[in-house]
C-alpha cells in the first residue's frame, strides 16, 4: 500500500466505506500525499498532457477570444482569470497573443486559482514579469467584469457515482476487502439530485454528479451577471452525464484508480448540462473544441507557424494541430461551454 492508501484504509476501518468524492479529494489534495499537492504532473514527462502543452496555438486562440469578448463589452477594467492553470502555459500564451490588443493588458488584472504550491511556482515562472494574483477559491475573485478560462479543471473535481436499480439509486463506495481497496455499492435509496434522471435511464445504468462544481459555477455566474464578462470552460465530457467515467492516468496510460492512491491522476467526464444549469441566468453556447478552434483561425495560424519548419519539427507541428482539432482526437471529445450575459454577444467561435 502507498502511505495514502494506508491512511484511507484506516479511515474506512473507523468510519465505514467512503464515497468516490471523498476518495478523490484525499487522493488529489491530501496535504502530504495528494497528487496535486506533491507534484507537477503535466507534460510529456508527467502523467498527462493538456491542450496548452500540445501547442501554443490553443492558449493563443483562447486568449484572443476573451480579448475580443472584452472589446465587444466596451473594454472595461476587468479580471482575467484562469482556474487550475497547470504550469501556466495557457495564460502565458494568451498574454503573449493579446499584448497588441490596445489597452487589454493595462485593463486586465490576472488572477489564477491554484491549490498546489509546486504548480504556483511553475506558473509564476511561466508568466515572467507579468503581474498576477493567486487565489484559493472562486469566492476570492474580485468584484469586477470577469473574463475567465478553465481548461481541464472541472474533470478533476470529486464526483459521486450511482447505479440505478428497480428500487432507487445505489451509490458507488470505496471499501476495504482482504487488505485492499475495492469498490462496492450502497443499499438502494432515493437520490433527490438524480430524480430527473429516472426519465432517461434504465436499471443498471450509471450516472455521476459533481456537487463541488455547483458553487464554483454559481460564483462565476454571479460575477458575470453583476459586472459583465464571459467564461470559457473546456473539458472532456458531454451535455448530460451517462455511464461510468471514473478513471485514473499514470505516465499517459490508464491504471486502476484504487491501486496507488496519490500517485495517479483521477478524473471523470464533465456534465456540461449541470454546469450550464448552475450558471443560470447566464446565456450559454456549447460547441466541440475542434469547431471552436477552426472558427478562431487555427488553420491560418498553423500555416503561419509552419513557415520555415521542416523535418521532425514540421511533422510534430502538424500532428499537434490535428490532435487539437480532429474528430477522432480531441476535436469532438473535448467541448467548449461559453457563458455570457444575454445582453452581450457570445465569445468568438461560439456560434
Protein backbone atom coordinates (compact mmCIF):
# COMPACT_ATOMS: atom_id res chain seq x y z
CA UNK A 1 0.00 0.00 0.00
CA UNK A 2 1.05 3.58 -0.59
CA UNK A 3 1.12 5.77 2.54
CA UNK A 4 -2.11 7.39 1.44
CA UNK A 5 -3.75 4.01 0.81
CA UNK A 6 -2.94 3.03 4.39
CA UNK A 7 -4.47 6.26 5.70
CA UNK A 8 -7.61 5.73 3.60
CA UNK A 9 -7.93 2.11 4.76
CA UNK A 10 -7.57 3.22 8.38
CA UNK A 11 -10.28 5.83 7.93
CA UNK A 12 -12.62 3.33 6.29
CA UNK A 13 -11.96 0.92 9.13
CA UNK A 14 -13.07 3.55 11.63
CA UNK A 15 -15.86 5.31 9.74
CA UNK A 16 -17.08 2.82 7.14
CA UNK A 17 -16.99 2.93 3.33
CA UNK A 18 -16.37 6.33 1.72
CA UNK A 19 -17.86 7.96 -1.35
CA UNK A 20 -15.87 8.43 -4.53
CA UNK A 21 -15.98 12.16 -3.84
CA UNK A 22 -14.19 11.75 -0.51
CA UNK A 23 -11.74 9.30 -2.05
CA UNK A 24 -10.91 11.63 -4.96
CA UNK A 25 -10.46 14.60 -2.61
CA UNK A 26 -7.97 12.70 -0.47
CA UNK A 27 -6.08 11.28 -3.47
CA UNK A 28 -5.73 14.60 -5.25
CA UNK A 29 -5.42 17.14 -2.44
CA UNK A 30 -4.19 15.44 0.75
CA UNK A 31 -1.66 17.93 2.18
CA UNK A 32 1.18 15.38 2.47
CA UNK A 33 0.38 12.67 -0.07
CA UNK A 34 -2.06 14.26 -2.55
CA UNK A 35 -1.40 14.01 -6.26
CA UNK A 36 -1.62 17.73 -7.00
CA UNK A 37 -0.05 18.92 -3.77
CA UNK A 38 3.15 16.90 -4.20
CA UNK A 39 3.98 17.02 -7.91
CA UNK A 40 3.70 18.87 -11.23
CA UNK A 41 2.11 16.13 -13.37
CA UNK A 42 1.76 17.89 -16.72
CA UNK A 43 3.62 17.45 -19.98
CA UNK A 44 5.36 14.61 -21.78
CA UNK A 45 7.45 13.81 -18.70
CA UNK A 46 4.38 13.75 -16.45
CA UNK A 47 1.23 11.65 -16.37
CA UNK A 48 -0.87 13.53 -18.93
CA UNK A 49 -0.65 16.35 -21.43
CA UNK A 50 -3.24 19.09 -21.85
CA UNK A 51 -4.10 21.18 -24.90
CA UNK A 52 -1.88 24.17 -23.97
CA UNK A 53 1.10 21.80 -23.71
CA UNK A 54 0.33 20.25 -27.11
CA UNK A 55 0.58 23.55 -28.98
CA UNK A 56 0.94 27.25 -28.24
CA UNK A 57 -1.96 27.86 -30.64
CA UNK A 58 -4.52 26.68 -28.08
CA UNK A 59 -3.71 29.34 -25.48
CA UNK A 60 -3.19 31.99 -28.13
CA UNK A 61 -6.61 31.49 -29.70
CA UNK A 62 -8.46 31.20 -26.39
CA UNK A 63 -6.76 34.37 -25.19
CA UNK A 64 -7.73 36.23 -28.36
CA UNK A 65 -11.33 35.04 -27.98
CA UNK A 66 -11.50 36.50 -24.46
CA UNK A 67 -9.81 39.72 -25.58
CA UNK A 68 -12.37 40.12 -28.37
CA UNK A 69 -15.19 39.50 -25.88
CA UNK A 70 -13.63 42.25 -23.73
CA UNK A 71 -13.61 44.62 -26.70
CA UNK A 72 -17.22 43.72 -27.52
CA UNK A 73 -18.22 44.70 -23.99
CA UNK A 74 -16.61 48.14 -24.06
CA UNK A 75 -13.06 47.41 -22.84
CA UNK A 76 -13.70 47.68 -19.08
CA UNK A 77 -11.19 47.32 -16.28
CA UNK A 78 -11.55 43.62 -15.53
CA UNK A 79 -10.30 40.35 -14.10
CA UNK A 80 -8.59 37.92 -16.48
CA UNK A 81 -8.79 34.64 -14.57
CA UNK A 82 -7.87 31.00 -15.02
CA UNK A 83 -8.97 28.08 -12.87
CA UNK A 84 -6.40 25.30 -12.42
CA UNK A 85 -3.68 26.89 -14.60
CA UNK A 86 -1.35 23.86 -14.61
CA UNK A 87 2.15 25.01 -15.48
CA UNK A 88 0.91 28.46 -16.54
CA UNK A 89 1.37 27.68 -20.23
CA UNK A 90 -2.13 28.67 -21.34
CA UNK A 91 -2.11 32.03 -19.57
CA UNK A 92 1.42 32.80 -20.79
CA UNK A 93 0.41 32.04 -24.39
CA UNK A 94 -2.81 34.06 -24.03
CA UNK A 95 -0.92 37.08 -22.69
CA UNK A 96 1.66 36.89 -25.48
CA UNK A 97 -1.04 36.67 -28.15
CA UNK A 98 -3.01 39.62 -26.75
CA UNK A 99 -0.19 42.03 -25.98
CA UNK A 100 -1.06 44.08 -29.07
CA UNK A 101 -4.77 44.38 -28.24
CA UNK A 102 -4.92 48.09 -27.34
CA UNK A 103 -5.46 48.60 -23.62
CA UNK A 104 -6.18 44.96 -22.77
CA UNK A 105 -3.16 44.24 -20.59
CA UNK A 106 -3.47 47.56 -18.79
CA UNK A 107 -7.14 46.89 -18.03
CA UNK A 108 -6.91 43.19 -17.10
CA UNK A 109 -5.80 42.03 -13.66
CA UNK A 110 -4.53 38.44 -13.98
CA UNK A 111 -5.89 36.12 -11.26
CA UNK A 112 -5.03 32.42 -11.04
CA UNK A 113 -6.87 29.92 -8.84
CA UNK A 114 -4.45 27.17 -7.84
CA UNK A 115 -4.28 24.88 -4.78
CA UNK A 116 -0.86 23.32 -5.45
CA UNK A 117 2.24 25.15 -4.12
CA UNK A 118 4.58 23.45 -6.66
CA UNK A 119 2.30 24.45 -9.53
CA UNK A 120 2.02 28.03 -8.28
CA UNK A 121 5.79 28.26 -8.51
CA UNK A 122 5.72 26.91 -12.09
CA UNK A 123 3.01 29.41 -13.03
CA UNK A 124 4.97 32.33 -11.59
CA UNK A 125 7.97 31.32 -13.68
CA UNK A 126 5.86 30.92 -16.83
CA UNK A 127 4.37 34.42 -16.51
CA UNK A 128 7.75 36.08 -16.11
CA UNK A 129 7.42 39.73 -15.18
CA UNK A 130 3.67 39.92 -15.81
CA UNK A 131 1.92 40.71 -12.51
CA UNK A 132 -0.55 38.13 -11.22
CA UNK A 133 -2.52 37.28 -8.09
CA UNK A 134 -3.18 33.77 -6.78
CA UNK A 135 -6.38 32.77 -5.00
CA UNK A 136 -7.59 29.58 -3.32
CA UNK A 137 -11.29 29.67 -4.25
CA UNK A 138 -13.68 31.36 -6.66
CA UNK A 139 -15.24 33.36 -3.82
CA UNK A 140 -11.98 35.34 -3.81
CA UNK A 141 -12.46 36.54 -7.41
CA UNK A 142 -12.64 40.36 -7.49
CA UNK A 143 -16.00 42.07 -7.87
CA UNK A 144 -15.34 43.24 -11.43
CA UNK A 145 -16.07 42.24 -15.03
CA UNK A 146 -14.75 38.70 -15.32
CA UNK A 147 -13.14 37.09 -18.37
CA UNK A 148 -12.34 33.54 -17.29
CA UNK A 149 -10.98 30.33 -18.75
CA UNK A 150 -10.96 26.86 -17.21
CA UNK A 151 -9.25 24.14 -19.23
CA UNK A 152 -9.43 20.60 -17.81
CA UNK A 153 -10.34 21.95 -14.40
CA UNK A 154 -13.81 20.52 -13.78
CA UNK A 155 -12.86 16.95 -14.75
CA UNK A 156 -10.67 16.72 -11.63
CA UNK A 157 -13.40 17.79 -9.19
CA UNK A 158 -14.69 14.98 -6.96
CA UNK A 159 -17.75 13.10 -8.18
CA UNK A 160 -20.33 10.82 -6.63
CA UNK A 161 -21.40 7.86 -8.73
CA UNK A 162 -24.70 5.96 -8.64
CA UNK A 163 -26.04 2.81 -10.27
CA UNK A 164 -29.78 2.72 -10.84
CA UNK A 165 -31.81 -0.30 -9.81
CA UNK A 166 -35.53 -1.02 -9.54
CA UNK A 167 -35.72 0.39 -6.00
CA UNK A 168 -33.68 3.59 -6.39
CA UNK A 169 -30.02 4.52 -6.73
CA UNK A 170 -27.06 2.60 -5.26
CA UNK A 171 -24.01 4.77 -4.62
CA UNK A 172 -20.53 3.53 -5.51
CA UNK A 173 -18.40 3.36 -2.35
CA UNK A 174 -14.75 2.60 -1.61
CA UNK A 175 -14.33 -0.31 0.83
CA UNK A 176 -11.53 -2.47 2.23
CA UNK A 177 -11.63 -6.19 1.48
CA UNK A 178 -8.76 -8.58 2.06
CA UNK A 179 -6.45 -5.71 2.89
CA UNK A 180 -7.12 -4.00 -0.46
CA UNK A 181 -9.23 -1.03 -1.50
CA UNK A 182 -12.19 -2.14 -3.61
CA UNK A 183 -15.42 -0.67 -4.96
CA UNK A 184 -18.85 -1.69 -3.75
CA UNK A 185 -22.45 -0.46 -3.85
CA UNK A 186 -24.53 1.00 -1.04
CA UNK A 187 -28.08 -0.10 -0.38
CA UNK A 188 -30.66 1.40 -2.78
CA UNK A 189 -32.30 4.66 -1.77
CA UNK A 190 -33.85 7.74 -3.37
CA UNK A 191 -31.38 10.37 -4.58
CA UNK A 192 -33.01 13.81 -5.00
CA UNK A 193 -30.16 15.12 -7.19
CA UNK A 194 -30.91 12.35 -9.72
CA UNK A 195 -34.69 12.41 -9.63
CA UNK A 196 -34.79 13.96 -13.11
CA UNK A 197 -32.62 11.13 -14.48
CA UNK A 198 -35.30 8.49 -13.89
CA UNK A 199 -36.83 9.52 -17.20
CA UNK A 200 -33.74 8.79 -19.32
CA UNK A 201 -32.03 5.87 -17.56
CA UNK A 202 -32.75 2.19 -17.10
CA UNK A 203 -31.92 -0.14 -14.19
CA UNK A 204 -28.22 -0.98 -14.30
CA UNK A 205 -27.16 2.34 -15.84
CA UNK A 206 -24.70 4.65 -14.10
CA UNK A 207 -24.98 8.40 -13.52
CA UNK A 208 -22.48 10.75 -11.87
CA UNK A 209 -22.90 14.08 -10.11
CA UNK A 210 -20.31 16.69 -9.16
CA UNK A 211 -21.63 18.72 -6.25
CA UNK A 212 -18.35 20.65 -5.97
CA UNK A 213 -18.91 22.25 -9.39
CA UNK A 214 -22.19 23.93 -8.46
CA UNK A 215 -20.93 26.65 -6.08
CA UNK A 216 -17.96 27.35 -8.36
CA UNK A 217 -20.22 27.91 -11.34
CA UNK A 218 -22.67 29.94 -9.26
CA UNK A 219 -19.89 32.30 -8.17
CA UNK A 220 -18.61 32.74 -11.73
CA UNK A 221 -22.15 33.39 -12.95
CA UNK A 222 -22.79 35.93 -10.20
CA UNK A 223 -19.69 37.94 -11.14
CA UNK A 224 -20.59 37.98 -14.82
CA UNK A 225 -24.28 38.73 -14.17
CA UNK A 226 -23.40 41.70 -11.94
CA UNK A 227 -20.42 43.15 -13.77
CA UNK A 228 -20.21 41.64 -17.26
CA UNK A 229 -17.64 39.38 -18.82
CA UNK A 230 -17.53 35.86 -20.25
CA UNK A 231 -16.23 32.41 -19.34
CA UNK A 232 -14.82 29.60 -21.48
CA UNK A 233 -15.00 26.13 -19.92
CA UNK A 234 -13.04 23.50 -21.91
CA UNK A 235 -13.06 19.85 -20.91
CA UNK A 236 -13.92 16.33 -22.00
CA UNK A 237 -17.44 15.08 -21.46
CA UNK A 238 -20.93 15.63 -22.80
CA UNK A 239 -24.16 17.51 -22.30
CA UNK A 240 -25.51 15.00 -19.77
CA UNK A 241 -23.67 12.52 -17.57
CA UNK A 242 -24.12 8.91 -18.58
CA UNK A 243 -22.12 5.83 -17.70
CA UNK A 244 -19.09 5.09 -15.55
CA UNK A 245 -16.42 7.66 -16.46
CA UNK A 246 -14.30 7.48 -13.28
CA UNK A 247 -10.71 6.87 -14.36
CA UNK A 248 -7.05 7.17 -13.43
CA UNK A 249 -3.98 8.05 -15.51
CA UNK A 250 -0.32 7.50 -14.78
CA UNK A 251 2.51 8.05 -17.27
CA UNK A 252 -0.08 8.70 -20.02
CA UNK A 253 -1.80 5.32 -19.57
CA UNK A 254 -4.97 4.18 -17.77
CA UNK A 255 -4.39 2.48 -14.42
CA UNK A 256 -6.53 1.05 -11.63
CA UNK A 257 -7.83 4.12 -9.71
CA UNK A 258 -7.61 2.21 -6.42
CA UNK A 259 -4.16 0.68 -6.88
CA UNK A 260 -1.86 3.51 -5.77
CA UNK A 261 -3.77 6.43 -4.24
CA UNK A 262 -1.91 9.71 -4.54
CA UNK A 263 0.32 8.53 -7.38
CA UNK A 264 -2.16 8.76 -10.29
CA UNK A 265 -4.47 11.45 -11.61
CA UNK A 266 -8.18 10.79 -11.00
CA UNK A 267 -10.80 12.31 -13.29
CA UNK A 268 -14.33 11.90 -14.62
CA UNK A 269 -16.14 13.25 -17.66
CA UNK A 270 -17.77 16.64 -17.19
CA UNK A 271 -21.55 17.02 -17.23
CA UNK A 272 -21.84 20.30 -19.13
CA UNK A 273 -25.61 20.45 -18.72
CA UNK A 274 -25.15 20.60 -14.95
CA UNK A 275 -22.54 23.36 -15.32
CA UNK A 276 -24.86 25.43 -17.52
CA UNK A 277 -27.77 24.95 -15.10
CA UNK A 278 -25.60 26.05 -12.17
CA UNK A 279 -24.69 29.21 -14.11
CA UNK A 280 -28.26 30.39 -14.63
CA UNK A 281 -29.36 33.03 -15.57
CA UNK A 282 -26.38 33.41 -17.92
CA UNK A 283 -26.73 32.54 -21.59
CA UNK A 284 -24.56 29.72 -22.86
CA UNK A 285 -23.20 28.17 -26.04
CA UNK A 286 -21.85 24.62 -26.31
CA UNK A 287 -19.53 23.69 -29.19
CA UNK A 288 -16.93 20.93 -29.81
CA UNK A 289 -13.35 22.09 -29.27
CA UNK A 290 -12.28 21.38 -32.84
CA UNK A 291 -15.05 23.53 -34.29
CA UNK A 292 -14.21 26.41 -31.94
CA UNK A 293 -10.51 26.33 -32.83
CA UNK A 294 -11.30 26.20 -36.55
CA UNK A 295 -13.65 29.19 -36.20
CA UNK A 296 -10.96 31.11 -34.29
CA UNK A 297 -8.50 30.59 -37.15
CA UNK A 298 -6.28 27.71 -36.14
CA UNK A 299 -5.83 26.82 -39.83
CA UNK A 300 -4.17 30.10 -40.86
CA UNK A 301 -2.26 30.28 -37.56
CA UNK A 302 -0.91 26.75 -38.05
CA UNK A 303 0.14 27.61 -41.61
CA UNK A 304 1.93 30.73 -40.40
CA UNK A 305 3.82 28.81 -37.72
CA UNK A 306 4.72 26.10 -40.26
CA UNK A 307 6.61 28.59 -42.42
CA UNK A 308 10.27 27.71 -42.23
CA UNK A 309 9.65 24.40 -40.45
CA UNK A 310 10.84 21.13 -41.90
CA UNK A 311 11.53 17.55 -40.94
CA UNK A 312 10.61 16.37 -37.44
CA UNK A 313 9.61 19.85 -36.30
CA UNK A 314 7.06 20.27 -39.07
CA UNK A 315 5.74 16.74 -38.53
CA UNK A 316 5.24 17.42 -34.81
CA UNK A 317 3.51 20.73 -35.53
CA UNK A 318 1.07 19.14 -37.98
CA UNK A 319 0.39 16.29 -35.55
CA UNK A 320 -0.32 18.78 -32.75
CA UNK A 321 -2.77 20.71 -34.92
CA UNK A 322 -4.56 17.51 -35.82
CA UNK A 323 -4.64 16.33 -32.22
CA UNK A 324 -6.38 19.51 -31.09
CA UNK A 325 -8.98 19.56 -33.86
CA UNK A 326 -9.58 16.16 -35.47
CA UNK A 327 -12.87 14.39 -34.62
CA UNK A 328 -11.01 11.17 -33.77
CA UNK A 329 -8.59 13.02 -31.46
CA UNK A 330 -9.56 15.87 -29.10
CA UNK A 331 -11.77 17.70 -31.59
CA UNK A 332 -15.11 16.22 -30.54
CA UNK A 333 -14.33 14.54 -27.20
CA UNK A 334 -13.47 17.94 -25.76
CA UNK A 335 -16.17 20.60 -25.64
CA UNK A 336 -16.26 24.34 -25.00
CA UNK A 337 -19.01 25.84 -22.86
CA UNK A 338 -19.18 29.64 -23.17
CA UNK A 339 -21.07 31.68 -20.58
CA UNK A 340 -22.10 35.29 -21.01
CA UNK A 341 -24.91 37.69 -20.21
CA UNK A 342 -27.91 37.51 -22.51
CA UNK A 343 -27.31 41.21 -23.21
CA UNK A 344 -23.83 40.60 -24.65
CA UNK A 345 -22.69 38.55 -27.65
CA UNK A 346 -21.22 35.09 -27.24
CA UNK A 347 -17.41 34.98 -27.39
CA UNK A 348 -15.93 34.48 -30.87
CA UNK A 349 -16.04 30.96 -32.21
CA UNK A 350 -19.05 30.01 -30.10
CA UNK A 351 -21.87 30.42 -32.61
